[in-house]
Amino acid sequence: MTNLKFLSVNVRGLNSTIKRRNIFRFLRNNHYDVIFLQETYSSKEMEAVWKNEWGGNILFSHGSKHSKGVAVLFKTNLDIQIDNLEIDTLGRYIFLKCKIDEREFSRFNVYFPNDMK
């Protein structure tokens, strides 16, 4: 049984092509299996571009082009079965229950700023 590498990081926006590609390269070079990103500033219109640049599957909860948004990135060829998925429509969280290499995981990727009113 192989150890899996998980990472969670606040990226503070990935709309810049250069920044996004650099972060994706860093993640691939460090062999992370599942990555939880916060403050992606992602949009539905850019999903295909991001997935193509990443090369693997991505789950999105979009915020706006200037705030919010979370995503879960999976390494290419990762054997994953998603059993339960809840995606917030406001770009605040993704709840994921899945099996990776026959091991069960429940993960919650959440972004709540500390200045919420």
PDB file of N, CA and C in Angstrom:
ATOM      1  N   MET A   1       0.838  -1.177   0.000  1.00  0.00           N
ATOM      2  CA  MET A   1       0.000   0.000   0.000  1.00  0.00           C
ATOM      3  C   MET A   1       0.889   1.249   0.000  1.00  0.00           C
ATOM      4  N   THR A   2       0.683   2.104  -0.950  1.00  0.00           N
ATOM      5  CA  THR A   2       1.480   3.311  -1.110  1.00  0.00           C
ATOM      6  C   THR A   2       0.956   4.433  -0.227  1.00  0.00           C
ATOM      7  N   ASN A   3       1.866   5.218   0.341  1.00  0.00           N
ATOM      8  CA  ASN A   3       1.463   6.399   1.089  1.00  0.00           C
ATOM      9  C   ASN A   3       0.984   7.460   0.113  1.00  0.00           C
ATOM     10  N   LEU A   4      -0.096   8.149   0.481  1.00  0.00           N
ATOM     11  CA  LEU A   4      -0.624   9.233  -0.331  1.00  0.00           C
ATOM     12  C   LEU A   4      -0.152  10.558   0.231  1.00  0.00           C
ATOM     13  N   LYS A   5       0.122  11.503  -0.646  1.00  0.00           N
ATOM     14  CA  LYS A   5       0.539  12.838  -0.229  1.00  0.00           C
ATOM     15  C   LYS A   5      -0.598  13.816  -0.474  1.00  0.00           C
ATOM     16  N   PHE A   6      -1.094  14.415   0.624  1.00  0.00           N
ATOM     17  CA  PHE A   6      -2.140  15.424   0.570  1.00  0.00           C
ATOM     18  C   PHE A   6      -1.512  16.782   0.862  1.00  0.00           C
ATOM     19  N   LEU A   7      -2.073  17.822   0.259  1.00  0.00           N
ATOM     20  CA  LEU A   7      -1.609  19.184   0.516  1.00  0.00           C
ATOM     21  C   LEU A   7      -2.802  20.116   0.497  1.00  0.00           C
ATOM     22  N   SER A   8      -2.809  21.091   1.404  1.00  0.00           N
ATOM     23  CA  SER A   8      -3.813  22.148   1.417  1.00  0.00           C
ATOM     24  C   SER A   8      -3.080  23.475   1.374  1.00  0.00           C
ATOM     25  N   VAL A   9      -3.513  24.361   0.452  1.00  0.00           N
ATOM     26  CA  VAL A   9      -2.820  25.642   0.310  1.00  0.00           C
ATOM     27  C   VAL A   9      -3.785  26.728  -0.163  1.00  0.00           C
ATOM     28  N   ASN A  10      -3.640  27.911   0.435  1.00  0.00           N
ATOM     29  CA  ASN A  10      -4.382  29.091  -0.006  1.00  0.00           C
ATOM     30  C   ASN A  10      -3.553  29.753  -1.102  1.00  0.00           C
ATOM     31  N   VAL A  11      -4.068  29.744  -2.331  1.00  0.00           N
ATOM     32  CA  VAL A  11      -3.290  30.229  -3.478  1.00  0.00           C
ATOM     33  C   VAL A  11      -3.534  31.703  -3.797  1.00  0.00           C
ATOM     34  N   ARG A  12      -4.527  32.304  -3.152  1.00  0.00           N
ATOM     35  CA  ARG A  12      -4.831  33.731  -3.344  1.00  0.00           C
ATOM     36  C   ARG A  12      -4.991  34.105  -4.814  1.00  0.00           C
ATOM     37  N   GLY A  13      -5.701  33.284  -5.532  1.00  0.00           N
ATOM     38  CA  GLY A  13      -6.042  33.574  -6.928  1.00  0.00           C
ATOM     39  C   GLY A  13      -5.148  32.869  -7.920  1.00  0.00           C
ATOM     40  N   LEU A  14      -5.798  32.213  -8.893  1.00  0.00           N
ATOM     41  CA  LEU A  14      -5.050  31.516  -9.950  1.00  0.00           C
ATOM     42  C   LEU A  14      -5.510  31.958 -11.343  1.00  0.00           C
ATOM     43  N   ASN A  15      -5.980  33.178 -11.463  1.00  0.00           N
ATOM     44  CA  ASN A  15      -6.400  33.662 -12.775  1.00  0.00           C
ATOM     45  C   ASN A  15      -5.214  33.958 -13.687  1.00  0.00           C
ATOM     46  N   SER A  16      -4.083  34.270 -13.124  1.00  0.00           N
ATOM     47  CA  SER A  16      -2.881  34.508 -13.922  1.00  0.00           C
ATOM     48  C   SER A  16      -2.369  33.175 -14.466  1.00  0.00           C
ATOM     49  N   THR A  17      -2.262  33.093 -15.777  1.00  0.00           N
ATOM     50  CA  THR A  17      -1.788  31.865 -16.419  1.00  0.00           C
ATOM     51  C   THR A  17      -0.406  31.478 -15.918  1.00  0.00           C
ATOM     52  N   ILE A  18       0.483  32.433 -15.805  1.00  0.00           N
ATOM     53  CA  ILE A  18       1.851  32.150 -15.352  1.00  0.00           C
ATOM     54  C   ILE A  18       1.853  31.608 -13.929  1.00  0.00           C
ATOM     55  N   LYS A  19       1.124  32.263 -13.024  1.00  0.00           N
ATOM     56  CA  LYS A  19       1.068  31.806 -11.636  1.00  0.00           C
ATOM     57  C   LYS A  19       0.457  30.409 -11.550  1.00  0.00           C
ATOM     58  N   ARG A  20      -0.656  30.198 -12.248  1.00  0.00           N
ATOM     59  CA  ARG A  20      -1.329  28.898 -12.215  1.00  0.00           C
ATOM     60  C   ARG A  20      -0.420  27.784 -12.725  1.00  0.00           C
ATOM     61  N   ARG A  21       0.235  28.008 -13.852  1.00  0.00           N
ATOM     62  CA  ARG A  21       1.136  26.991 -14.407  1.00  0.00           C
ATOM     63  C   ARG A  21       2.318  26.727 -13.487  1.00  0.00           C
ATOM     64  N   ASN A  22       2.853  27.762 -12.851  1.00  0.00           N
ATOM     65  CA  ASN A  22       3.956  27.568 -11.905  1.00  0.00           C
ATOM     66  C   ASN A  22       3.523  26.754 -10.697  1.00  0.00           C
ATOM     67  N   ILE A  23       2.340  27.043 -10.168  1.00  0.00           N
ATOM     68  CA  ILE A  23       1.844  26.277  -9.025  1.00  0.00           C
ATOM     69  C   ILE A  23       1.567  24.834  -9.428  1.00  0.00           C
ATOM     70  N   PHE A  24       0.932  24.631 -10.583  1.00  0.00           N
ATOM     71  CA  PHE A  24       0.676  23.263 -11.048  1.00  0.00           C
ATOM     72  C   PHE A  24       1.985  22.503 -11.247  1.00  0.00           C
ATOM     73  N   ARG A  25       2.997  23.145 -11.771  1.00  0.00           N
ATOM     74  CA  ARG A  25       4.307  22.504 -11.957  1.00  0.00           C
ATOM     75  C   ARG A  25       4.918  22.126 -10.612  1.00  0.00           C
ATOM     76  N   PHE A  26       4.856  23.037  -9.643  1.00  0.00           N
ATOM     77  CA  PHE A  26       5.360  22.762  -8.297  1.00  0.00           C
ATOM     78  C   PHE A  26       4.651  21.545  -7.697  1.00  0.00           C
ATOM     79  N   LEU A  27       3.330  21.498  -7.826  1.00  0.00           N
ATOM     80  CA  LEU A  27       2.557  20.387  -7.261  1.00  0.00           C
ATOM     81  C   LEU A  27       2.915  19.061  -7.925  1.00  0.00           C
ATOM     82  N   ARG A  28       3.059  19.059  -9.239  1.00  0.00           N
ATOM     83  CA  ARG A  28       3.447  17.830  -9.942  1.00  0.00           C
ATOM     84  C   ARG A  28       4.865  17.408  -9.575  1.00  0.00           C
ATOM     85  N   ASN A  29       5.789  18.362  -9.519  1.00  0.00           N
ATOM     86  CA  ASN A  29       7.190  18.048  -9.201  1.00  0.00           C
ATOM     87  C   ASN A  29       7.365  17.495  -7.795  1.00  0.00           C
ATOM     88  N   ASN A  30       6.449  17.858  -6.891  1.00  0.00           N
ATOM     89  CA  ASN A  30       6.524  17.367  -5.514  1.00  0.00           C
ATOM     90  C   ASN A  30       5.640  16.149  -5.284  1.00  0.00           C
ATOM     91  N   HIS A  31       5.065  15.640  -6.345  1.00  0.00           N
ATOM     92  CA  HIS A  31       4.336  14.361  -6.349  1.00  0.00           C
ATOM     93  C   HIS A  31       3.192  14.297  -5.347  1.00  0.00           C
ATOM     94  N   TYR A  32       2.432  15.395  -5.236  1.00  0.00           N
ATOM     95  CA  TYR A  32       1.239  15.364  -4.395  1.00  0.00           C
ATOM     96  C   TYR A  32       0.152  14.587  -5.121  1.00  0.00           C
ATOM     97  N   ASP A  33      -0.621  13.818  -4.363  1.00  0.00           N
ATOM     98  CA  ASP A  33      -1.686  13.004  -4.943  1.00  0.00           C
ATOM     99  C   ASP A  33      -3.027  13.729  -4.963  1.00  0.00           C
ATOM    100  N   VAL A  34      -3.339  14.396  -3.860  1.00  0.00           N
ATOM    101  CA  VAL A  34      -4.592  15.128  -3.736  1.00  0.00           C
ATOM    102  C   VAL A  34      -4.259  16.490  -3.153  1.00  0.00           C
ATOM    103  N   ILE A  35      -4.729  17.543  -3.816  1.00  0.00           N
ATOM    104  CA  ILE A  35      -4.406  18.905  -3.396  1.00  0.00           C
ATOM    105  C   ILE A  35      -5.694  19.672  -3.174  1.00  0.00           C
ATOM    106  N   PHE A  36      -5.770  20.360  -2.031  1.00  0.00           N
ATOM    107  CA  PHE A  36      -6.922  21.182  -1.689  1.00  0.00           C
ATOM    108  C   PHE A  36      -6.496  22.644  -1.800  1.00  0.00           C
ATOM    109  N   LEU A  37      -7.128  23.371  -2.715  1.00  0.00           N
ATOM    110  CA  LEU A  37      -6.795  24.780  -2.935  1.00  0.00           C
ATOM    111  C   LEU A  37      -7.924  25.670  -2.431  1.00  0.00           C
ATOM    112  N   GLN A  38      -7.545  26.778  -1.795  1.00  0.00           N
ATOM    113  CA  GLN A  38      -8.510  27.783  -1.364  1.00  0.00           C
ATOM    114  C   GLN A  38      -8.186  29.108  -2.047  1.00  0.00           C
ATOM    115  N   GLU A  39      -9.216  29.942  -2.152  1.00  0.00           N
ATOM    116  CA  GLU A  39      -9.124  31.250  -2.829  1.00  0.00           C
ATOM    117  C   GLU A  39      -8.608  31.086  -4.264  1.00  0.00           C
ATOM    118  N   THR A  40      -9.265  30.225  -5.011  1.00  0.00           N
ATOM    119  CA  THR A  40      -8.839  29.968  -6.390  1.00  0.00           C
ATOM    120  C   THR A  40      -9.263  31.069  -7.343  1.00  0.00           C
ATOM    121  N   TYR A  41     -10.358  31.765  -7.031  1.00  0.00           N
ATOM    122  CA  TYR A  41     -10.971  32.765  -7.922  1.00  0.00           C
ATOM    123  C   TYR A  41     -11.340  32.123  -9.257  1.00  0.00           C
ATOM    124  N   SER A  42     -11.752  30.882  -9.216  1.00  0.00           N
ATOM    125  CA  SER A  42     -12.058  30.137 -10.434  1.00  0.00           C
ATOM    126  C   SER A  42     -13.434  30.498 -10.981  1.00  0.00           C
ATOM    127  N   SER A  43     -13.642  30.165 -12.247  1.00  0.00           N
ATOM    128  CA  SER A  43     -14.927  30.392 -12.892  1.00  0.00           C
ATOM    129  C   SER A  43     -15.262  29.199 -13.778  1.00  0.00           C
ATOM    130  N   LYS A  44     -16.544  28.998 -13.997  1.00  0.00           N
ATOM    131  CA  LYS A  44     -17.018  27.893 -14.835  1.00  0.00           C
ATOM    132  C   LYS A  44     -16.393  27.968 -16.230  1.00  0.00           C
ATOM    133  N   GLU A  45     -16.223  29.178 -16.746  1.00  0.00           N
ATOM    134  CA  GLU A  45     -15.682  29.377 -18.087  1.00  0.00           C
ATOM    135  C   GLU A  45     -14.240  28.890 -18.235  1.00  0.00           C
ATOM    136  N   MET A  46     -13.498  28.827 -17.133  1.00  0.00           N
ATOM    137  CA  MET A  46     -12.086  28.448 -17.190  1.00  0.00           C
ATOM    138  C   MET A  46     -11.819  26.999 -16.775  1.00  0.00           C
ATOM    139  N   GLU A  47     -12.848  26.254 -16.418  1.00  0.00           N
ATOM    140  CA  GLU A  47     -12.653  24.878 -15.945  1.00  0.00           C
ATOM    141  C   GLU A  47     -11.847  24.024 -16.925  1.00  0.00           C
ATOM    142  N   ALA A  48     -12.225  24.031 -18.183  1.00  0.00           N
ATOM    143  CA  ALA A  48     -11.547  23.186 -19.181  1.00  0.00           C
ATOM    144  C   ALA A  48     -10.078  23.571 -19.320  1.00  0.00           C
ATOM    145  N   VAL A  49      -9.783  24.855 -19.258  1.00  0.00           N
ATOM    146  CA  VAL A  49      -8.395  25.334 -19.365  1.00  0.00           C
ATOM    147  C   VAL A  49      -7.591  24.818 -18.182  1.00  0.00           C
ATOM    148  N   TRP A  50      -8.131  24.958 -16.973  1.00  0.00           N
ATOM    149  CA  TRP A  50      -7.423  24.515 -15.774  1.00  0.00           C
ATOM    150  C   TRP A  50      -7.195  23.006 -15.804  1.00  0.00           C
ATOM    151  N   LYS A  51      -8.222  22.250 -16.189  1.00  0.00           N
ATOM    152  CA  LYS A  51      -8.097  20.795 -16.236  1.00  0.00           C
ATOM    153  C   LYS A  51      -7.043  20.378 -17.265  1.00  0.00           C
ATOM    154  N   ASN A  52      -7.019  21.063 -18.384  1.00  0.00           N
ATOM    155  CA  ASN A  52      -6.014  20.763 -19.401  1.00  0.00           C
ATOM    156  C   ASN A  52      -4.603  21.068 -18.897  1.00  0.00           C
ATOM    157  N   GLU A  53      -4.430  22.193 -18.228  1.00  0.00           N
ATOM    158  CA  GLU A  53      -3.108  22.555 -17.699  1.00  0.00           C
ATOM    159  C   GLU A  53      -2.681  21.617 -16.561  1.00  0.00           C
ATOM    160  N   TRP A  54      -3.618  21.193 -15.729  1.00  0.00           N
ATOM    161  CA  TRP A  54      -3.292  20.300 -14.621  1.00  0.00           C
ATOM    162  C   TRP A  54      -3.004  18.901 -15.141  1.00  0.00           C
ATOM    163  N   GLY A  55      -3.822  18.412 -16.051  1.00  0.00           N
ATOM    164  CA  GLY A  55      -3.619  17.081 -16.605  1.00  0.00           C
ATOM    165  C   GLY A  55      -4.352  15.979 -15.865  1.00  0.00           C
ATOM    166  N   GLY A  56      -5.032  16.317 -14.805  1.00  0.00           N
ATOM    167  CA  GLY A  56      -5.810  15.349 -14.038  1.00  0.00           C
ATOM    168  C   GLY A  56      -7.181  15.915 -13.751  1.00  0.00           C
ATOM    169  N   ASN A  57      -7.924  15.224 -12.917  1.00  0.00           N
ATOM    170  CA  ASN A  57      -9.273  15.664 -12.580  1.00  0.00           C
ATOM    171  C   ASN A  57      -9.218  16.789 -11.544  1.00  0.00           C
ATOM    172  N   ILE A  58     -10.185  17.712 -11.651  1.00  0.00           N
ATOM    173  CA  ILE A  58     -10.324  18.803 -10.688  1.00  0.00           C
ATOM    174  C   ILE A  58     -11.802  18.946 -10.340  1.00  0.00           C
ATOM    175  N   LEU A  59     -12.084  19.073  -9.047  1.00  0.00           N
ATOM    176  CA  LEU A  59     -13.426  19.415  -8.585  1.00  0.00           C
ATOM    177  C   LEU A  59     -13.410  20.887  -8.202  1.00  0.00           C
ATOM    178  N   PHE A  60     -14.450  21.629  -8.611  1.00  0.00           N
ATOM    179  CA  PHE A  60     -14.494  23.066  -8.373  1.00  0.00           C
ATOM    180  C   PHE A  60     -15.713  23.466  -7.554  1.00  0.00           C
ATOM    181  N   SER A  61     -15.529  24.455  -6.700  1.00  0.00           N
ATOM    182  CA  SER A  61     -16.609  25.244  -6.119  1.00  0.00           C
ATOM    183  C   SER A  61     -16.209  26.687  -6.421  1.00  0.00           C
ATOM    184  N   HIS A  62     -16.868  27.269  -7.424  1.00  0.00           N
ATOM    185  CA  HIS A  62     -16.463  28.579  -7.925  1.00  0.00           C
ATOM    186  C   HIS A  62     -16.957  29.711  -7.034  1.00  0.00           C
ATOM    187  N   GLY A  63     -16.109  30.713  -6.906  1.00  0.00           N
ATOM    188  CA  GLY A  63     -16.493  31.954  -6.252  1.00  0.00           C
ATOM    189  C   GLY A  63     -16.711  32.981  -7.341  1.00  0.00           C
ATOM    190  N   SER A  64     -15.895  34.013  -7.322  1.00  0.00           N
ATOM    191  CA  SER A  64     -15.915  35.009  -8.390  1.00  0.00           C
ATOM    192  C   SER A  64     -14.501  35.117  -8.952  1.00  0.00           C
ATOM    193  N   LYS A  65     -14.324  35.951  -9.943  1.00  0.00           N
ATOM    194  CA  LYS A  65     -12.991  36.119 -10.530  1.00  0.00           C
ATOM    195  C   LYS A  65     -12.058  36.915  -9.612  1.00  0.00           C
ATOM    196  N   HIS A  66     -12.601  37.406  -8.488  1.00  0.00           N
ATOM    197  CA  HIS A  66     -11.787  38.222  -7.580  1.00  0.00           C
ATOM    198  C   HIS A  66     -11.853  37.771  -6.127  1.00  0.00           C
ATOM    199  N   SER A  67     -12.595  36.684  -5.854  1.00  0.00           N
ATOM    200  CA  SER A  67     -12.678  36.217  -4.472  1.00  0.00           C
ATOM    201  C   SER A  67     -13.222  34.797  -4.424  1.00  0.00           C
ATOM    202  N   LYS A  68     -13.016  34.186  -3.296  1.00  0.00           N
ATOM    203  CA  LYS A  68     -13.543  32.854  -2.964  1.00  0.00           C
ATOM    204  C   LYS A  68     -13.065  31.770  -3.926  1.00  0.00           C
ATOM    205  N   GLY A  69     -13.750  30.652  -3.865  1.00  0.00           N
ATOM    206  CA  GLY A  69     -13.439  29.508  -4.717  1.00  0.00           C
ATOM    207  C   GLY A  69     -12.500  28.517  -4.053  1.00  0.00           C
ATOM    208  N   VAL A  70     -12.895  27.236  -4.110  1.00  0.00           N
ATOM    209  CA  VAL A  70     -12.037  26.153  -3.654  1.00  0.00           C
ATOM    210  C   VAL A  70     -12.022  25.084  -4.734  1.00  0.00           C
ATOM    211  N   ALA A  71     -10.970  24.273  -4.712  1.00  0.00           N
ATOM    212  CA  ALA A  71     -10.846  23.200  -5.697  1.00  0.00           C
ATOM    213  C   ALA A  71     -10.096  22.034  -5.076  1.00  0.00           C
ATOM    214  N   VAL A  72     -10.350  20.852  -5.619  1.00  0.00           N
ATOM    215  CA  VAL A  72      -9.621  19.646  -5.239  1.00  0.00           C
ATOM    216  C   VAL A  72      -9.013  19.091  -6.516  1.00  0.00           C
ATOM    217  N   LEU A  73      -7.687  18.953  -6.527  1.00  0.00           N
ATOM    218  CA  LEU A  73      -6.963  18.430  -7.680  1.00  0.00           C
ATOM    219  C   LEU A  73      -6.494  17.016  -7.377  1.00  0.00           C
ATOM    220  N   PHE A  74      -6.625  16.156  -8.375  1.00  0.00           N
ATOM    221  CA  PHE A  74      -6.180  14.772  -8.237  1.00  0.00           C
ATOM    222  C   PHE A  74      -5.059  14.502  -9.234  1.00  0.00           C
ATOM    223  N   LYS A  75      -4.047  13.817  -8.760  1.00  0.00           N
ATOM    224  CA  LYS A  75      -2.937  13.432  -9.631  1.00  0.00           C
ATOM    225  C   LYS A  75      -3.470  12.571 -10.778  1.00  0.00           C
ATOM    226  N   THR A  76      -2.869  12.729 -11.927  1.00  0.00           N
ATOM    227  CA  THR A  76      -3.235  11.929 -13.091  1.00  0.00           C
ATOM    228  C   THR A  76      -3.099  10.445 -12.772  1.00  0.00           C
ATOM    229  N   ASN A  77      -4.021   9.656 -13.262  1.00  0.00           N
ATOM    230  CA  ASN A  77      -4.023   8.194 -13.118  1.00  0.00           C
ATOM    231  C   ASN A  77      -4.234   7.710 -11.683  1.00  0.00           C
ATOM    232  N   LEU A  78      -4.716   8.571 -10.807  1.00  0.00           N
ATOM    233  CA  LEU A  78      -5.026   8.155  -9.443  1.00  0.00           C
ATOM    234  C   LEU A  78      -6.312   7.334  -9.479  1.00  0.00           C
ATOM    235  N   ASP A  79      -6.303   6.163  -8.850  1.00  0.00           N
ATOM    236  CA  ASP A  79      -7.471   5.291  -8.807  1.00  0.00           C
ATOM    237  C   ASP A  79      -8.421   5.802  -7.730  1.00  0.00           C
ATOM    238  N   ILE A  80      -9.413   6.600  -8.145  1.00  0.00           N
ATOM    239  CA  ILE A  80     -10.327   7.231  -7.196  1.00  0.00           C
ATOM    240  C   ILE A  80     -11.773   6.916  -7.557  1.00  0.00           C
ATOM    241  N   GLN A  81     -12.545   6.648  -6.518  1.00  0.00           N
ATOM    242  CA  GLN A  81     -13.981   6.433  -6.665  1.00  0.00           C
ATOM    243  C   GLN A  81     -14.675   7.398  -5.720  1.00  0.00           C
ATOM    244  N   ILE A  82     -15.463   8.319  -6.255  1.00  0.00           N
ATOM    245  CA  ILE A  82     -16.164   9.295  -5.434  1.00  0.00           C
ATOM    246  C   ILE A  82     -17.505   8.707  -5.016  1.00  0.00           C
ATOM    247  N   ASP A  83     -17.709   8.601  -3.695  1.00  0.00           N
ATOM    248  CA  ASP A  83     -18.942   8.032  -3.159  1.00  0.00           C
ATOM    249  C   ASP A  83     -19.954   9.100  -2.776  1.00  0.00           C
ATOM    250  N   ASN A  84     -19.479  10.246  -2.333  1.00  0.00           N
ATOM    251  CA  ASN A  84     -20.360  11.343  -1.941  1.00  0.00           C
ATOM    252  C   ASN A  84     -19.631  12.650  -2.212  1.00  0.00           C
ATOM    253  N   LEU A  85     -20.345  13.610  -2.803  1.00  0.00           N
ATOM    254  CA  LEU A  85     -19.743  14.890  -3.154  1.00  0.00           C
ATOM    255  C   LEU A  85     -20.753  15.992  -2.908  1.00  0.00           C
ATOM    256  N   GLU A  86     -20.359  16.983  -2.106  1.00  0.00           N
ATOM    257  CA  GLU A  86     -21.187  18.163  -1.877  1.00  0.00           C
ATOM    258  C   GLU A  86     -20.355  19.384  -2.230  1.00  0.00           C
ATOM    259  N   ILE A  87     -20.871  20.175  -3.172  1.00  0.00           N
ATOM    260  CA  ILE A  87     -20.154  21.360  -3.645  1.00  0.00           C
ATOM    261  C   ILE A  87     -21.000  22.591  -3.361  1.00  0.00           C
ATOM    262  N   ASP A  88     -20.449  23.515  -2.608  1.00  0.00           N
ATOM    263  CA  ASP A  88     -21.126  24.758  -2.267  1.00  0.00           C
ATOM    264  C   ASP A  88     -21.222  25.653  -3.502  1.00  0.00           C
ATOM    265  N   THR A  89     -22.375  26.257  -3.732  1.00  0.00           N
ATOM    266  CA  THR A  89     -22.570  27.127  -4.893  1.00  0.00           C
ATOM    267  C   THR A  89     -21.974  28.518  -4.692  1.00  0.00           C
ATOM    268  N   LEU A  90     -21.511  28.825  -3.487  1.00  0.00           N
ATOM    269  CA  LEU A  90     -20.936  30.146  -3.209  1.00  0.00           C
ATOM    270  C   LEU A  90     -19.411  30.134  -3.182  1.00  0.00           C
ATOM    271  N   GLY A  91     -18.799  29.001  -3.518  1.00  0.00           N
ATOM    272  CA  GLY A  91     -17.339  28.943  -3.567  1.00  0.00           C
ATOM    273  C   GLY A  91     -16.658  28.818  -2.232  1.00  0.00           C
ATOM    274  N   ARG A  92     -17.364  28.253  -1.242  1.00  0.00           N
ATOM    275  CA  ARG A  92     -16.803  28.166   0.107  1.00  0.00           C
ATOM    276  C   ARG A  92     -16.308  26.777   0.497  1.00  0.00           C
ATOM    277  N   TYR A  93     -16.891  25.704  -0.041  1.00  0.00           N
ATOM    278  CA  TYR A  93     -16.448  24.385   0.400  1.00  0.00           C
ATOM    279  C   TYR A  93     -16.742  23.294  -0.627  1.00  0.00           C
ATOM    280  N   ILE A  94     -15.999  22.210  -0.472  1.00  0.00           N
ATOM    281  CA  ILE A  94     -16.255  20.943  -1.154  1.00  0.00           C
ATOM    282  C   ILE A  94     -16.110  19.845  -0.109  1.00  0.00           C
ATOM    283  N   PHE A  95     -17.148  19.028   0.039  1.00  0.00           N
ATOM    284  CA  PHE A  95     -17.072  17.847   0.894  1.00  0.00           C
ATOM    285  C   PHE A  95     -16.958  16.635  -0.016  1.00  0.00           C
ATOM    286  N   LEU A  96     -16.011  15.773   0.284  1.00  0.00           N
ATOM    287  CA  LEU A  96     -15.702  14.643  -0.576  1.00  0.00           C
ATOM    288  C   LEU A  96     -15.536  13.380   0.255  1.00  0.00           C
ATOM    289  N   LYS A  97     -16.310  12.370  -0.071  1.00  0.00           N
ATOM    290  CA  LYS A  97     -16.122  11.043   0.510  1.00  0.00           C
ATOM    291  C   LYS A  97     -15.761  10.145  -0.652  1.00  0.00           C
ATOM    292  N   CYS A  98     -14.599   9.488  -0.548  1.00  0.00           N
ATOM    293  CA  CYS A  98     -14.111   8.728  -1.696  1.00  0.00           C
ATOM    294  C   CYS A  98     -13.251   7.549  -1.267  1.00  0.00           C
ATOM    295  N   LYS A  99     -12.935   6.737  -2.250  1.00  0.00           N
ATOM    296  CA  LYS A  99     -11.966   5.661  -2.076  1.00  0.00           C
ATOM    297  C   LYS A  99     -10.807   5.949  -3.022  1.00  0.00           C
ATOM    298  N   ILE A 100      -9.609   5.891  -2.469  1.00  0.00           N
ATOM    299  CA  ILE A 100      -8.393   6.049  -3.261  1.00  0.00           C
ATOM    300  C   ILE A 100      -7.563   4.801  -3.012  1.00  0.00           C
ATOM    301  N   ASP A 101      -7.276   4.085  -4.065  1.00  0.00           N
ATOM    302  CA  ASP A 101      -6.551   2.815  -3.938  1.00  0.00           C
ATOM    303  C   ASP A 101      -7.195   1.927  -2.871  1.00  0.00           C
ATOM    304  N   GLU A 102      -8.525   1.863  -2.901  1.00  0.00           N
ATOM    305  CA  GLU A 102      -9.320   1.016  -2.000  1.00  0.00           C
ATOM    306  C   GLU A 102      -9.332   1.483  -0.541  1.00  0.00           C
ATOM    307  N   ARG A 103      -8.756   2.658  -0.243  1.00  0.00           N
ATOM    308  CA  ARG A 103      -8.820   3.211   1.115  1.00  0.00           C
ATOM    309  C   ARG A 103      -9.880   4.306   1.148  1.00  0.00           C
ATOM    310  N   GLU A 104     -10.685   4.327   2.203  1.00  0.00           N
ATOM    311  CA  GLU A 104     -11.763   5.296   2.315  1.00  0.00           C
ATOM    312  C   GLU A 104     -11.277   6.578   2.985  1.00  0.00           C
ATOM    313  N   PHE A 105     -11.742   7.703   2.422  1.00  0.00           N
ATOM    314  CA  PHE A 105     -11.394   9.021   2.953  1.00  0.00           C
ATOM    315  C   PHE A 105     -12.629   9.907   2.951  1.00  0.00           C
ATOM    316  N   SER A 106     -12.723  10.754   3.957  1.00  0.00           N
ATOM    317  CA  SER A 106     -13.692  11.847   3.980  1.00  0.00           C
ATOM    318  C   SER A 106     -12.873  13.117   4.163  1.00  0.00           C
ATOM    319  N   ARG A 107     -13.047  14.050   3.245  1.00  0.00           N
ATOM    320  CA  ARG A 107     -12.260  15.291   3.290  1.00  0.00           C
ATOM    321  C   ARG A 107     -13.178  16.481   3.055  1.00  0.00           C
ATOM    322  N   PHE A 108     -12.835  17.581   3.708  1.00  0.00           N
ATOM    323  CA  PHE A 108     -13.613  18.808   3.633  1.00  0.00           C
ATOM    324  C   PHE A 108     -12.658  19.936   3.297  1.00  0.00           C
ATOM    325  N   ASN A 109     -12.772  20.500   2.109  1.00  0.00           N
ATOM    326  CA  ASN A 109     -11.950  21.633   1.708  1.00  0.00           C
ATOM    327  C   ASN A 109     -12.806  22.880   1.879  1.00  0.00           C
ATOM    328  N   VAL A 110     -12.379  23.769   2.760  1.00  0.00           N
ATOM    329  CA  VAL A 110     -13.223  24.907   3.108  1.00  0.00           C
ATOM    330  C   VAL A 110     -12.419  26.196   3.113  1.00  0.00           C
ATOM    331  N   TYR A 111     -13.079  27.274   2.694  1.00  0.00           N
ATOM    332  CA  TYR A 111     -12.487  28.602   2.793  1.00  0.00           C
ATOM    333  C   TYR A 111     -13.505  29.537   3.436  1.00  0.00           C
ATOM    334  N   PHE A 112     -13.173  30.004   4.630  1.00  0.00           N
ATOM    335  CA  PHE A 112     -13.973  31.019   5.318  1.00  0.00           C
ATOM    336  C   PHE A 112     -13.017  32.103   5.772  1.00  0.00           C
ATOM    337  N   PRO A 113     -13.108  33.292   5.201  1.00  0.00           N
ATOM    338  CA  PRO A 113     -12.192  34.353   5.615  1.00  0.00           C
ATOM    339  C   PRO A 113     -12.457  34.762   7.058  1.00  0.00           C
ATOM    340  N   ASN A 114     -11.451  35.339   7.679  1.00  0.00           N
ATOM    341  CA  ASN A 114     -11.606  35.695   9.096  1.00  0.00           C
ATOM    342  C   ASN A 114     -12.322  37.024   9.286  1.00  0.00           C
ATOM    343  N   ASP A 115     -12.765  37.667   8.203  1.00  0.00           N
ATOM    344  CA  ASP A 115     -13.461  38.944   8.332  1.00  0.00           C
ATOM    345  C   ASP A 115     -14.935  38.850   7.935  1.00  0.00           C
ATOM    346  N   MET A 116     -15.508  37.637   7.997  1.00  0.00           N
ATOM    347  CA  MET A 116     -16.924  37.466   7.644  1.00  0.00           C
ATOM    348  C   MET A 116     -17.815  38.219   8.617  1.00  0.00           C
ATOM    349  N   LYS A 117     -18.841  38.836   8.066  1.00  0.00           N
ATOM    350  CA  LYS A 117     -19.785  39.613   8.910  1.00  0.00           C
ATOM    351  C   LYS A 117     -21.171  39.070   8.757  1.00  0.00           C
TER     352      LYS A 117
END
